[in-house]
């Protein structure tokens, strides 16, 4: 599934980021393949808010659609 399809509170692991330019943008946020994140909020017609290492990030829907994720077995801090 993609990040924009995640549910609030769900803990996820990033499997892939589809486009090279988006991988670079995600890397600036500290999001890489293998990162564990938590979906904090999905705002209607707005960004997806995720938490990683006690930091919350708002990702635009365009970027969220390009991030492939899977449920993670590990909790985030």
Foldseek 3Di string as FASTA:
>chain_A
DFQLPDDAFFKKFWQDFADPVLQVVVVVVVHDHGFIWGFHDDDVQFFTWIDAQNDIDTHGPVRRRRTDIDGDPDDHD
